[in-house]
Amino acid sequence: MKYVAYVDVQLKQSILDPQGEAVRSALVQMGYGGVQKVRIGKRIRVDLEAANEAECRRIMDEICSQILANPTMETYEYEIKEESGK
């Protein structure tokens, strides 16, 4: 079966995010005073084939922990969708 996985990678809460702080500061200067925190991350799309969703999840866990995210500094979560036969 064909699947599409959308992976969101973020710095752990304990890690300083200077880029997020710069964006937050700029937003406050633009008049968005209610913005209290911004964290910058990345979103990655992975198209893959697997026998079933459980196998797809196993593969995605390996890909995320070994390549897409640095487990020392980052967390990840993903959502999997079965690709429709277009």
PDB file of N, CA and C in Angstrom:
ATOM      1  N   MET A   1       0.833  -1.173   0.000  1.00  0.00           N
ATOM      2  CA  MET A   1       0.000   0.000   0.000  1.00  0.00           C
ATOM      3  C   MET A   1       0.885   1.245   0.000  1.00  0.00           C
ATOM      4  N   LYS A   2       0.358   2.300  -0.563  1.00  0.00           N
ATOM      5  CA  LYS A   2       1.090   3.560  -0.611  1.00  0.00           C
ATOM      6  C   LYS A   2       0.583   4.472   0.500  1.00  0.00           C
ATOM      7  N   TYR A   3       1.539   5.107   1.164  1.00  0.00           N
ATOM      8  CA  TYR A   3       1.225   6.011   2.263  1.00  0.00           C
ATOM      9  C   TYR A   3       1.964   7.328   2.085  1.00  0.00           C
ATOM     10  N   VAL A   4       1.417   8.353   2.703  1.00  0.00           N
ATOM     11  CA  VAL A   4       2.085   9.645   2.815  1.00  0.00           C
ATOM     12  C   VAL A   4       2.181   9.949   4.306  1.00  0.00           C
ATOM     13  N   ALA A   5       3.387  10.249   4.750  1.00  0.00           N
ATOM     14  CA  ALA A   5       3.600  10.611   6.152  1.00  0.00           C
ATOM     15  C   ALA A   5       4.040  12.071   6.207  1.00  0.00           C
ATOM     16  N   TYR A   6       3.417  12.815   7.096  1.00  0.00           N
ATOM     17  CA  TYR A   6       3.799  14.199   7.347  1.00  0.00           C
ATOM     18  C   TYR A   6       4.456  14.242   8.720  1.00  0.00           C
ATOM     19  N   VAL A   7       5.723  14.626   8.739  1.00  0.00           N
ATOM     20  CA  VAL A   7       6.521  14.622   9.954  1.00  0.00           C
ATOM     21  C   VAL A   7       6.749  16.054  10.407  1.00  0.00           C
ATOM     22  N   ASP A   8       6.475  16.328  11.678  1.00  0.00           N
ATOM     23  CA  ASP A   8       6.773  17.630  12.279  1.00  0.00           C
ATOM     24  C   ASP A   8       7.911  17.441  13.270  1.00  0.00           C
ATOM     25  N   VAL A   9       8.994  18.190  13.063  1.00  0.00           N
ATOM     26  CA  VAL A   9      10.168  18.127  13.929  1.00  0.00           C
ATOM     27  C   VAL A   9      10.317  19.477  14.621  1.00  0.00           C
ATOM     28  N   GLN A  10      10.467  19.438  15.942  1.00  0.00           N
ATOM     29  CA  GLN A  10      10.615  20.664  16.742  1.00  0.00           C
ATOM     30  C   GLN A  10      11.776  20.495  17.715  1.00  0.00           C
ATOM     31  N   LEU A  11      12.376  21.610  18.085  1.00  0.00           N
ATOM     32  CA  LEU A  11      13.356  21.568  19.168  1.00  0.00           C
ATOM     33  C   LEU A  11      12.634  21.203  20.467  1.00  0.00           C
ATOM     34  N   LYS A  12      13.311  20.460  21.325  1.00  0.00           N
ATOM     35  CA  LYS A  12      12.731  20.161  22.639  1.00  0.00           C
ATOM     36  C   LYS A  12      12.497  21.466  23.390  1.00  0.00           C
ATOM     37  N   GLN A  13      11.524  21.466  24.278  1.00  0.00           N
ATOM     38  CA  GLN A  13      11.178  22.680  25.028  1.00  0.00           C
ATOM     39  C   GLN A  13      12.376  23.206  25.825  1.00  0.00           C
ATOM     40  N   SER A  14      13.265  22.320  26.247  1.00  0.00           N
ATOM     41  CA  SER A  14      14.418  22.738  27.049  1.00  0.00           C
ATOM     42  C   SER A  14      15.530  23.370  26.210  1.00  0.00           C
ATOM     43  N   ILE A  15      15.409  23.323  24.891  1.00  0.00           N
ATOM     44  CA  ILE A  15      16.434  23.874  23.996  1.00  0.00           C
ATOM     45  C   ILE A  15      16.022  25.284  23.566  1.00  0.00           C
ATOM     46  N   LEU A  16      16.937  26.227  23.695  1.00  0.00           N
ATOM     47  CA  LEU A  16      16.700  27.605  23.287  1.00  0.00           C
ATOM     48  C   LEU A  16      16.438  27.664  21.779  1.00  0.00           C
ATOM     49  N   ASP A  17      15.452  28.443  21.374  1.00  0.00           N
ATOM     50  CA  ASP A  17      15.095  28.599  19.955  1.00  0.00           C
ATOM     51  C   ASP A  17      15.277  30.063  19.567  1.00  0.00           C
ATOM     52  N   PRO A  18      16.496  30.478  19.217  1.00  0.00           N
ATOM     53  CA  PRO A  18      16.738  31.879  18.907  1.00  0.00           C
ATOM     54  C   PRO A  18      15.950  32.366  17.689  1.00  0.00           C
ATOM     55  N   GLN A  19      15.732  31.512  16.709  1.00  0.00           N
ATOM     56  CA  GLN A  19      14.960  31.914  15.531  1.00  0.00           C
ATOM     57  C   GLN A  19      13.505  32.172  15.925  1.00  0.00           C
ATOM     58  N   GLY A  20      12.942  31.310  16.750  1.00  0.00           N
ATOM     59  CA  GLY A  20      11.582  31.509  17.232  1.00  0.00           C
ATOM     60  C   GLY A  20      11.462  32.782  18.053  1.00  0.00           C
ATOM     61  N   GLU A  21      12.461  33.061  18.879  1.00  0.00           N
ATOM     62  CA  GLU A  21      12.445  34.279  19.693  1.00  0.00           C
ATOM     63  C   GLU A  21      12.539  35.520  18.817  1.00  0.00           C
ATOM     64  N   ALA A  22      13.335  35.456  17.744  1.00  0.00           N
ATOM     65  CA  ALA A  22      13.442  36.593  16.822  1.00  0.00           C
ATOM     66  C   ALA A  22      12.095  36.859  16.138  1.00  0.00           C
ATOM     67  N   VAL A  23      11.402  35.806  15.744  1.00  0.00           N
ATOM     68  CA  VAL A  23      10.090  35.965  15.119  1.00  0.00           C
ATOM     69  C   VAL A  23       9.092  36.528  16.122  1.00  0.00           C
ATOM     70  N   ARG A  24       9.107  36.003  17.344  1.00  0.00           N
ATOM     71  CA  ARG A  24       8.199  36.505  18.386  1.00  0.00           C
ATOM     72  C   ARG A  24       8.430  37.984  18.623  1.00  0.00           C
ATOM     73  N   SER A  25       9.678  38.377  18.722  1.00  0.00           N
ATOM     74  CA  SER A  25      10.023  39.779  18.965  1.00  0.00           C
ATOM     75  C   SER A  25       9.529  40.662  17.813  1.00  0.00           C
ATOM     76  N   ALA A  26       9.712  40.208  16.585  1.00  0.00           N
ATOM     77  CA  ALA A  26       9.252  40.973  15.423  1.00  0.00           C
ATOM     78  C   ALA A  26       7.730  41.096  15.433  1.00  0.00           C
ATOM     79  N   LEU A  27       7.037  40.040  15.794  1.00  0.00           N
ATOM     80  CA  LEU A  27       5.578  40.088  15.849  1.00  0.00           C
ATOM     81  C   LEU A  27       5.097  41.082  16.901  1.00  0.00           C
ATOM     82  N   VAL A  28       5.755  41.099  18.046  1.00  0.00           N
ATOM     83  CA  VAL A  28       5.396  42.057  19.101  1.00  0.00           C
ATOM     84  C   VAL A  28       5.620  43.480  18.601  1.00  0.00           C
ATOM     85  N   GLN A  29       6.737  43.718  17.928  1.00  0.00           N
ATOM     86  CA  GLN A  29       7.018  45.050  17.385  1.00  0.00           C
ATOM     87  C   GLN A  29       5.999  45.462  16.325  1.00  0.00           C
ATOM     88  N   MET A  30       5.408  44.474  15.649  1.00  0.00           N
ATOM     89  CA  MET A  30       4.394  44.758  14.632  1.00  0.00           C
ATOM     90  C   MET A  30       3.014  44.974  15.242  1.00  0.00           C
ATOM     91  N   GLY A  31       2.921  44.866  16.559  1.00  0.00           N
ATOM     92  CA  GLY A  31       1.655  45.121  17.223  1.00  0.00           C
ATOM     93  C   GLY A  31       0.905  43.879  17.682  1.00  0.00           C
ATOM     94  N   TYR A  32       1.493  42.721  17.523  1.00  0.00           N
ATOM     95  CA  TYR A  32       0.863  41.478  17.973  1.00  0.00           C
ATOM     96  C   TYR A  32       1.350  41.143  19.376  1.00  0.00           C
ATOM     97  N   GLY A  33       0.973  41.989  20.335  1.00  0.00           N
ATOM     98  CA  GLY A  33       1.449  41.859  21.703  1.00  0.00           C
ATOM     99  C   GLY A  33       1.009  40.603  22.413  1.00  0.00           C
ATOM    100  N   GLY A  34      -0.028  39.959  21.914  1.00  0.00           N
ATOM    101  CA  GLY A  34      -0.510  38.736  22.548  1.00  0.00           C
ATOM    102  C   GLY A  34       0.332  37.511  22.246  1.00  0.00           C
ATOM    103  N   VAL A  35       1.247  37.608  21.289  1.00  0.00           N
ATOM    104  CA  VAL A  35       2.100  36.464  20.949  1.00  0.00           C
ATOM    105  C   VAL A  35       3.134  36.308  22.046  1.00  0.00           C
ATOM    106  N   GLN A  36       3.064  35.203  22.752  1.00  0.00           N
ATOM    107  CA  GLN A  36       3.960  35.004  23.885  1.00  0.00           C
ATOM    108  C   GLN A  36       5.115  34.060  23.593  1.00  0.00           C
ATOM    109  N   LYS A  37       4.943  33.163  22.632  1.00  0.00           N
ATOM    110  CA  LYS A  37       6.008  32.208  22.343  1.00  0.00           C
ATOM    111  C   LYS A  37       5.886  31.731  20.902  1.00  0.00           C
ATOM    112  N   VAL A  38       7.039  31.612  20.236  1.00  0.00           N
ATOM    113  CA  VAL A  38       7.097  31.054  18.887  1.00  0.00           C
ATOM    114  C   VAL A  38       8.217  30.019  18.878  1.00  0.00           C
ATOM    115  N   ARG A  39       7.921  28.841  18.361  1.00  0.00           N
ATOM    116  CA  ARG A  39       8.928  27.794  18.191  1.00  0.00           C
ATOM    117  C   ARG A  39       8.972  27.455  16.708  1.00  0.00           C
ATOM    118  N   ILE A  40      10.156  27.460  16.146  1.00  0.00           N
ATOM    119  CA  ILE A  40      10.335  27.165  14.729  1.00  0.00           C
ATOM    120  C   ILE A  40      10.664  25.679  14.583  1.00  0.00           C
ATOM    121  N   GLY A  41      10.059  25.050  13.599  1.00  0.00           N
ATOM    122  CA  GLY A  41      10.320  23.642  13.333  1.00  0.00           C
ATOM    123  C   GLY A  41      10.356  23.392  11.840  1.00  0.00           C
ATOM    124  N   LYS A  42      10.249  22.142  11.484  1.00  0.00           N
ATOM    125  CA  LYS A  42      10.207  21.801  10.069  1.00  0.00           C
ATOM    126  C   LYS A  42       9.151  20.730   9.834  1.00  0.00           C
ATOM    127  N   ARG A  43       8.557  20.755   8.657  1.00  0.00           N
ATOM    128  CA  ARG A  43       7.547  19.774   8.249  1.00  0.00           C
ATOM    129  C   ARG A  43       8.092  19.062   7.019  1.00  0.00           C
ATOM    130  N   ILE A  44       8.043  17.752   7.055  1.00  0.00           N
ATOM    131  CA  ILE A  44       8.631  16.929   6.010  1.00  0.00           C
ATOM    132  C   ILE A  44       7.574  15.954   5.496  1.00  0.00           C
ATOM    133  N   ARG A  45       7.486  15.821   4.187  1.00  0.00           N
ATOM    134  CA  ARG A  45       6.574  14.850   3.588  1.00  0.00           C
ATOM    135  C   ARG A  45       7.395  13.653   3.117  1.00  0.00           C
ATOM    136  N   VAL A  46       6.931  12.452   3.466  1.00  0.00           N
ATOM    137  CA  VAL A  46       7.587  11.214   3.037  1.00  0.00           C
ATOM    138  C   VAL A  46       6.537  10.346   2.356  1.00  0.00           C
ATOM    139  N   ASP A  47       6.758   9.996   1.098  1.00  0.00           N
ATOM    140  CA  ASP A  47       5.905   9.059   0.368  1.00  0.00           C
ATOM    141  C   ASP A  47       6.577   7.689   0.445  1.00  0.00           C
ATOM    142  N   LEU A  48       5.836   6.684   0.847  1.00  0.00           N
ATOM    143  CA  LEU A  48       6.442   5.363   0.942  1.00  0.00           C
ATOM    144  C   LEU A  48       5.415   4.263   0.730  1.00  0.00           C
ATOM    145  N   GLU A  49       5.935   3.082   0.474  1.00  0.00           N
ATOM    146  CA  GLU A  49       5.106   1.892   0.350  1.00  0.00           C
ATOM    147  C   GLU A  49       5.415   0.973   1.517  1.00  0.00           C
ATOM    148  N   ALA A  50       4.354   0.362   2.042  1.00  0.00           N
ATOM    149  CA  ALA A  50       4.502  -0.595   3.144  1.00  0.00           C
ATOM    150  C   ALA A  50       3.352  -1.588   3.056  1.00  0.00           C
ATOM    151  N   ALA A  51       3.523  -2.736   3.680  1.00  0.00           N
ATOM    152  CA  ALA A  51       2.506  -3.787   3.629  1.00  0.00           C
ATOM    153  C   ALA A  51       1.209  -3.353   4.297  1.00  0.00           C
ATOM    154  N   ASN A  52       1.337  -2.563   5.379  1.00  0.00           N
ATOM    155  CA  ASN A  52       0.159  -2.095   6.121  1.00  0.00           C
ATOM    156  C   ASN A  52       0.563  -0.885   6.957  1.00  0.00           C
ATOM    157  N   GLU A  53      -0.393  -0.321   7.674  1.00  0.00           N
ATOM    158  CA  GLU A  53      -0.108   0.895   8.452  1.00  0.00           C
ATOM    159  C   GLU A  53       0.881   0.630   9.584  1.00  0.00           C
ATOM    160  N   ALA A  54       0.797  -0.517  10.216  1.00  0.00           N
ATOM    161  CA  ALA A  54       1.732  -0.841  11.304  1.00  0.00           C
ATOM    162  C   ALA A  54       3.168  -0.872  10.788  1.00  0.00           C
ATOM    163  N   GLU A  55       3.370  -1.465   9.629  1.00  0.00           N
ATOM    164  CA  GLU A  55       4.708  -1.504   9.027  1.00  0.00           C
ATOM    165  C   GLU A  55       5.159  -0.104   8.650  1.00  0.00           C
ATOM    166  N   CYS A  56       4.239   0.690   8.135  1.00  0.00           N
ATOM    167  CA  CYS A  56       4.547   2.075   7.788  1.00  0.00           C
ATOM    168  C   CYS A  56       5.003   2.844   9.031  1.00  0.00           C
ATOM    169  N   ARG A  57       4.305   2.660  10.140  1.00  0.00           N
ATOM    170  CA  ARG A  57       4.679   3.337  11.391  1.00  0.00           C
ATOM    171  C   ARG A  57       6.058   2.888  11.883  1.00  0.00           C
ATOM    172  N   ARG A  58       6.350   1.606  11.754  1.00  0.00           N
ATOM    173  CA  ARG A  58       7.666   1.097  12.161  1.00  0.00           C
ATOM    174  C   ARG A  58       8.760   1.760  11.329  1.00  0.00           C
ATOM    175  N   ILE A  59       8.540   1.826  10.024  1.00  0.00           N
ATOM    176  CA  ILE A  59       9.513   2.453   9.132  1.00  0.00           C
ATOM    177  C   ILE A  59       9.674   3.936   9.470  1.00  0.00           C
ATOM    178  N   MET A  60       8.566   4.617   9.689  1.00  0.00           N
ATOM    179  CA  MET A  60       8.638   6.051   9.989  1.00  0.00           C
ATOM    180  C   MET A  60       9.355   6.310  11.304  1.00  0.00           C
ATOM    181  N   ASP A  61       9.135   5.473  12.310  1.00  0.00           N
ATOM    182  CA  ASP A  61       9.865   5.641  13.574  1.00  0.00           C
ATOM    183  C   ASP A  61      11.371   5.526  13.352  1.00  0.00           C
ATOM    184  N   GLU A  62      11.785   4.574  12.540  1.00  0.00           N
ATOM    185  CA  GLU A  62      13.213   4.419  12.242  1.00  0.00           C
ATOM    186  C   GLU A  62      13.746   5.629  11.482  1.00  0.00           C
ATOM    187  N   ILE A  63      13.016   6.037  10.441  1.00  0.00           N
ATOM    188  CA  ILE A  63      13.455   7.178   9.633  1.00  0.00           C
ATOM    189  C   ILE A  63      13.570   8.439  10.492  1.00  0.00           C
ATOM    190  N   CYS A  64      12.564   8.677  11.307  1.00  0.00           N
ATOM    191  CA  CYS A  64      12.558   9.897  12.125  1.00  0.00           C
ATOM    192  C   CYS A  64      13.684   9.891  13.147  1.00  0.00           C
ATOM    193  N   SER A  65      13.852   8.785  13.854  1.00  0.00           N
ATOM    194  CA  SER A  65      14.849   8.754  14.932  1.00  0.00           C
ATOM    195  C   SER A  65      16.280   8.666  14.411  1.00  0.00           C
ATOM    196  N   GLN A  66      16.464   8.164  13.185  1.00  0.00           N
ATOM    197  CA  GLN A  66      17.820   7.999  12.666  1.00  0.00           C
ATOM    198  C   GLN A  66      18.261   9.108  11.725  1.00  0.00           C
ATOM    199  N   ILE A  67      17.294   9.763  11.040  1.00  0.00           N
ATOM    200  CA  ILE A  67      17.691  10.716   9.995  1.00  0.00           C
ATOM    201  C   ILE A  67      17.015  12.079  10.131  1.00  0.00           C
ATOM    202  N   LEU A  68      15.701  12.086  10.313  1.00  0.00           N
ATOM    203  CA  LEU A  68      14.963  13.349  10.225  1.00  0.00           C
ATOM    204  C   LEU A  68      15.046  14.204  11.491  1.00  0.00           C
ATOM    205  N   ALA A  69      15.246  13.593  12.633  1.00  0.00           N
ATOM    206  CA  ALA A  69      15.306  14.349  13.888  1.00  0.00           C
ATOM    207  C   ALA A  69      16.539  13.934  14.677  1.00  0.00           C
ATOM    208  N   ASN A  70      17.098  14.883  15.377  1.00  0.00           N
ATOM    209  CA  ASN A  70      18.200  14.606  16.293  1.00  0.00           C
ATOM    210  C   ASN A  70      17.576  14.374  17.667  1.00  0.00           C
ATOM    211  N   PRO A  71      17.494  13.120  18.129  1.00  0.00           N
ATOM    212  CA  PRO A  71      16.771  12.838  19.374  1.00  0.00           C
ATOM    213  C   PRO A  71      17.359  13.511  20.612  1.00  0.00           C
ATOM    214  N   THR A  72      18.575  13.990  20.532  1.00  0.00           N
ATOM    215  CA  THR A  72      19.172  14.710  21.654  1.00  0.00           C
ATOM    216  C   THR A  72      18.547  16.088  21.822  1.00  0.00           C
ATOM    217  N   MET A  73      18.204  16.714  20.692  1.00  0.00           N
ATOM    218  CA  MET A  73      17.726  18.094  20.728  1.00  0.00           C
ATOM    219  C   MET A  73      16.296  18.279  20.239  1.00  0.00           C
ATOM    220  N   GLU A  74      15.766  17.296  19.513  1.00  0.00           N
ATOM    221  CA  GLU A  74      14.488  17.494  18.837  1.00  0.00           C
ATOM    222  C   GLU A  74      13.479  16.400  19.188  1.00  0.00           C
ATOM    223  N   THR A  75      12.225  16.757  19.020  1.00  0.00           N
ATOM    224  CA  THR A  75      11.147  15.787  19.118  1.00  0.00           C
ATOM    225  C   THR A  75      10.480  15.717  17.752  1.00  0.00           C
ATOM    226  N   TYR A  76       9.764  14.637  17.532  1.00  0.00           N
ATOM    227  CA  TYR A  76       9.038  14.519  16.278  1.00  0.00           C
ATOM    228  C   TYR A  76       7.699  13.847  16.520  1.00  0.00           C
ATOM    229  N   GLU A  77       6.793  14.133  15.632  1.00  0.00           N
ATOM    230  CA  GLU A  77       5.521  13.421  15.575  1.00  0.00           C
ATOM    231  C   GLU A  77       5.124  13.384  14.114  1.00  0.00           C
ATOM    232  N   TYR A  78       4.336  12.405  13.768  1.00  0.00           N
ATOM    233  CA  TYR A  78       3.935  12.289  12.375  1.00  0.00           C
ATOM    234  C   TYR A  78       2.504  11.815  12.274  1.00  0.00           C
ATOM    235  N   GLU A  79       1.938  12.079  11.103  1.00  0.00           N
ATOM    236  CA  GLU A  79       0.610  11.567  10.777  1.00  0.00           C
ATOM    237  C   GLU A  79       0.753  10.830   9.461  1.00  0.00           C
ATOM    238  N   ILE A  80       0.055   9.731   9.348  1.00  0.00           N
ATOM    239  CA  ILE A  80       0.130   8.894   8.158  1.00  0.00           C
ATOM    240  C   ILE A  80      -1.233   8.869   7.496  1.00  0.00           C
ATOM    241  N   LYS A  81      -1.227   9.006   6.179  1.00  0.00           N
ATOM    242  CA  LYS A  81      -2.452   8.908   5.401  1.00  0.00           C
ATOM    243  C   LYS A  81      -2.225   7.885   4.301  1.00  0.00           C
ATOM    244  N   GLU A  82      -3.221   7.055   4.101  1.00  0.00           N
ATOM    245  CA  GLU A  82      -3.151   6.124   2.980  1.00  0.00           C
ATOM    246  C   GLU A  82      -3.397   6.940   1.722  1.00  0.00           C
ATOM    247  N   GLU A  83      -2.528   6.756   0.747  1.00  0.00           N
ATOM    248  CA  GLU A  83      -2.654   7.516  -0.487  1.00  0.00           C
ATOM    249  C   GLU A  83      -3.774   6.909  -1.328  1.00  0.00           C
ATOM    250  N   SER A  84      -4.670   7.752  -1.758  1.00  0.00           N
ATOM    251  CA  SER A  84      -5.774   7.267  -2.576  1.00  0.00           C
ATOM    252  C   SER A  84      -5.276   6.950  -3.973  1.00  0.00           C
ATOM    253  N   GLY A  85      -5.901   5.980  -4.594  1.00  0.00           N
ATOM    254  CA  GLY A  85      -5.515   5.575  -5.950  1.00  0.00           C
ATOM    255  C   GLY A  85      -6.036   6.557  -6.981  1.00  0.00           C
ATOM    256  N   LYS A  86      -5.226   7.530  -7.342  1.00  0.00           N
ATOM    257  CA  LYS A  86      -5.646   8.549  -8.312  1.00  0.00           C
ATOM    258  C   LYS A  86      -5.327   8.106  -9.710  1.00  0.00           C
TER     259      LYS A  86
END
